[in-house]
Amino acid sequence: MAFFTQAVDVLKILVTAIGAGLGAWGVINLLEGYGNDNPGANAHVR
């Protein structure tokens, strides 16, 4: 039973790490949309 407990703990860590990575990637993508390098990305502002 200890094996399953350890496996669940590892899965919790993996899911948390993947979620944090996806969240950071989403924030970076949002911030990139406000740059001046791509005028088409913020066309909704006009």
N, C-alpha and C. Protein backbone atom coordinates (compact mmCIF):
# COMPACT_ATOMS: atom_id res chain seq x y z
N MET A 1 0.83 -1.21 0.00
CA MET A 1 0.00 0.00 0.00
C MET A 1 0.87 1.26 0.00
N ALA A 2 2.04 1.15 0.55
CA ALA A 2 2.93 2.32 0.59
C ALA A 2 3.34 2.73 -0.82
N PHE A 3 3.43 1.74 -1.72
CA PHE A 3 3.80 2.05 -3.10
C PHE A 3 2.75 2.95 -3.74
N PHE A 4 1.48 2.63 -3.51
CA PHE A 4 0.41 3.44 -4.10
C PHE A 4 0.38 4.84 -3.50
N THR A 5 0.65 4.93 -2.21
CA THR A 5 0.69 6.25 -1.58
C THR A 5 1.81 7.09 -2.18
N GLN A 6 2.95 6.48 -2.39
CA GLN A 6 4.07 7.21 -2.99
C GLN A 6 3.76 7.57 -4.44
N ALA A 7 3.11 6.67 -5.16
CA ALA A 7 2.76 6.94 -6.56
C ALA A 7 1.78 8.10 -6.64
N VAL A 8 0.83 8.16 -5.74
CA VAL A 8 -0.14 9.26 -5.73
C VAL A 8 0.57 10.58 -5.42
N ASP A 9 1.52 10.54 -4.51
CA ASP A 9 2.27 11.76 -4.19
C ASP A 9 3.06 12.24 -5.39
N VAL A 10 3.68 11.32 -6.10
CA VAL A 10 4.45 11.69 -7.29
C VAL A 10 3.52 12.28 -8.35
N LEU A 11 2.36 11.67 -8.53
CA LEU A 11 1.41 12.18 -9.52
C LEU A 11 0.92 13.57 -9.15
N LYS A 12 0.71 13.82 -7.86
CA LYS A 12 0.30 15.15 -7.42
C LYS A 12 1.36 16.18 -7.78
N ILE A 13 2.62 15.82 -7.56
CA ILE A 13 3.72 16.74 -7.88
C ILE A 13 3.78 16.99 -9.38
N LEU A 14 3.62 15.91 -10.18
CA LEU A 14 3.67 16.06 -11.63
C LEU A 14 2.53 16.93 -12.13
N VAL A 15 1.33 16.71 -11.63
CA VAL A 15 0.18 17.50 -12.08
C VAL A 15 0.36 18.96 -11.69
N THR A 16 0.87 19.21 -10.50
CA THR A 16 1.11 20.58 -10.06
C THR A 16 2.16 21.25 -10.94
N ALA A 17 3.24 20.53 -11.25
CA ALA A 17 4.30 21.10 -12.08
C ALA A 17 3.80 21.38 -13.49
N ILE A 18 3.02 20.46 -14.05
CA ILE A 18 2.49 20.67 -15.41
C ILE A 18 1.52 21.85 -15.40
N GLY A 19 0.69 21.94 -14.39
CA GLY A 19 -0.25 23.06 -14.30
C GLY A 19 0.47 24.39 -14.18
N ALA A 20 1.52 24.43 -13.38
CA ALA A 20 2.28 25.67 -13.22
C ALA A 20 2.97 26.05 -14.53
N GLY A 21 3.49 25.05 -15.23
CA GLY A 21 4.14 25.33 -16.51
C GLY A 21 3.15 25.85 -17.53
N LEU A 22 1.98 25.25 -17.60
CA LEU A 22 0.97 25.72 -18.54
C LEU A 22 0.48 27.12 -18.17
N GLY A 23 0.36 27.38 -16.88
CA GLY A 23 -0.06 28.71 -16.44
C GLY A 23 0.96 29.77 -16.81
N ALA A 24 2.23 29.47 -16.59
CA ALA A 24 3.29 30.43 -16.96
C ALA A 24 3.31 30.64 -18.46
N TRP A 25 3.13 29.56 -19.23
CA TRP A 25 3.12 29.67 -20.69
C TRP A 25 1.95 30.54 -21.15
N GLY A 26 0.79 30.38 -20.51
CA GLY A 26 -0.37 31.20 -20.85
C GLY A 26 -0.14 32.67 -20.55
N VAL A 27 0.47 32.95 -19.41
CA VAL A 27 0.75 34.35 -19.06
C VAL A 27 1.72 34.96 -20.04
N ILE A 28 2.75 34.21 -20.42
CA ILE A 28 3.72 34.72 -21.39
C ILE A 28 3.05 34.98 -22.73
N ASN A 29 2.18 34.09 -23.16
CA ASN A 29 1.48 34.29 -24.42
C ASN A 29 0.58 35.51 -24.36
N LEU A 30 -0.07 35.73 -23.23
CA LEU A 30 -0.90 36.92 -23.10
C LEU A 30 -0.06 38.19 -23.17
N LEU A 31 1.09 38.19 -22.48
CA LEU A 31 1.93 39.37 -22.47
C LEU A 31 2.54 39.62 -23.85
N GLU A 32 2.83 38.56 -24.60
CA GLU A 32 3.38 38.74 -25.93
C GLU A 32 2.39 39.42 -26.85
N GLY A 33 1.12 39.25 -26.60
CA GLY A 33 0.09 39.85 -27.45
C GLY A 33 0.05 41.36 -27.35
N TYR A 34 0.65 41.93 -26.31
CA TYR A 34 0.61 43.37 -26.13
C TYR A 34 1.88 44.04 -26.62
N GLY A 35 2.76 43.30 -27.25
CA GLY A 35 4.00 43.88 -27.76
C GLY A 35 3.78 44.62 -29.06
N ASN A 36 4.79 45.34 -29.49
CA ASN A 36 4.70 46.10 -30.73
C ASN A 36 5.26 45.32 -31.91
N ASP A 37 5.74 44.11 -31.70
CA ASP A 37 6.35 43.36 -32.78
C ASP A 37 5.31 42.77 -33.73
N ASN A 38 4.07 42.65 -33.29
CA ASN A 38 3.04 42.07 -34.14
C ASN A 38 1.78 42.92 -34.05
N PRO A 39 1.59 43.87 -34.95
CA PRO A 39 0.42 44.74 -34.87
C PRO A 39 -0.89 43.98 -35.00
N GLY A 40 -0.88 42.83 -35.68
CA GLY A 40 -2.09 42.07 -35.83
C GLY A 40 -2.56 41.42 -34.54
N ALA A 41 -1.65 41.25 -33.59
CA ALA A 41 -2.02 40.57 -32.35
C ALA A 41 -2.89 41.44 -31.46
N ASN A 42 -2.75 42.75 -31.56
CA ASN A 42 -3.57 43.64 -30.73
C ASN A 42 -4.44 44.53 -31.61
N ALA A 43 -4.97 43.97 -32.68
CA ALA A 43 -5.85 44.75 -33.56
C ALA A 43 -7.15 45.10 -32.87
N HIS A 44 -7.52 44.32 -31.84
CA HIS A 44 -8.79 44.58 -31.16
C HIS A 44 -8.75 45.88 -30.37
N VAL A 45 -7.56 46.45 -30.15
CA VAL A 45 -7.46 47.68 -29.36
C VAL A 45 -7.93 48.88 -30.18
N ARG A 46 -7.79 48.81 -31.48
CA ARG A 46 -8.12 49.95 -32.34
C ARG A 46 -9.61 50.11 -32.53
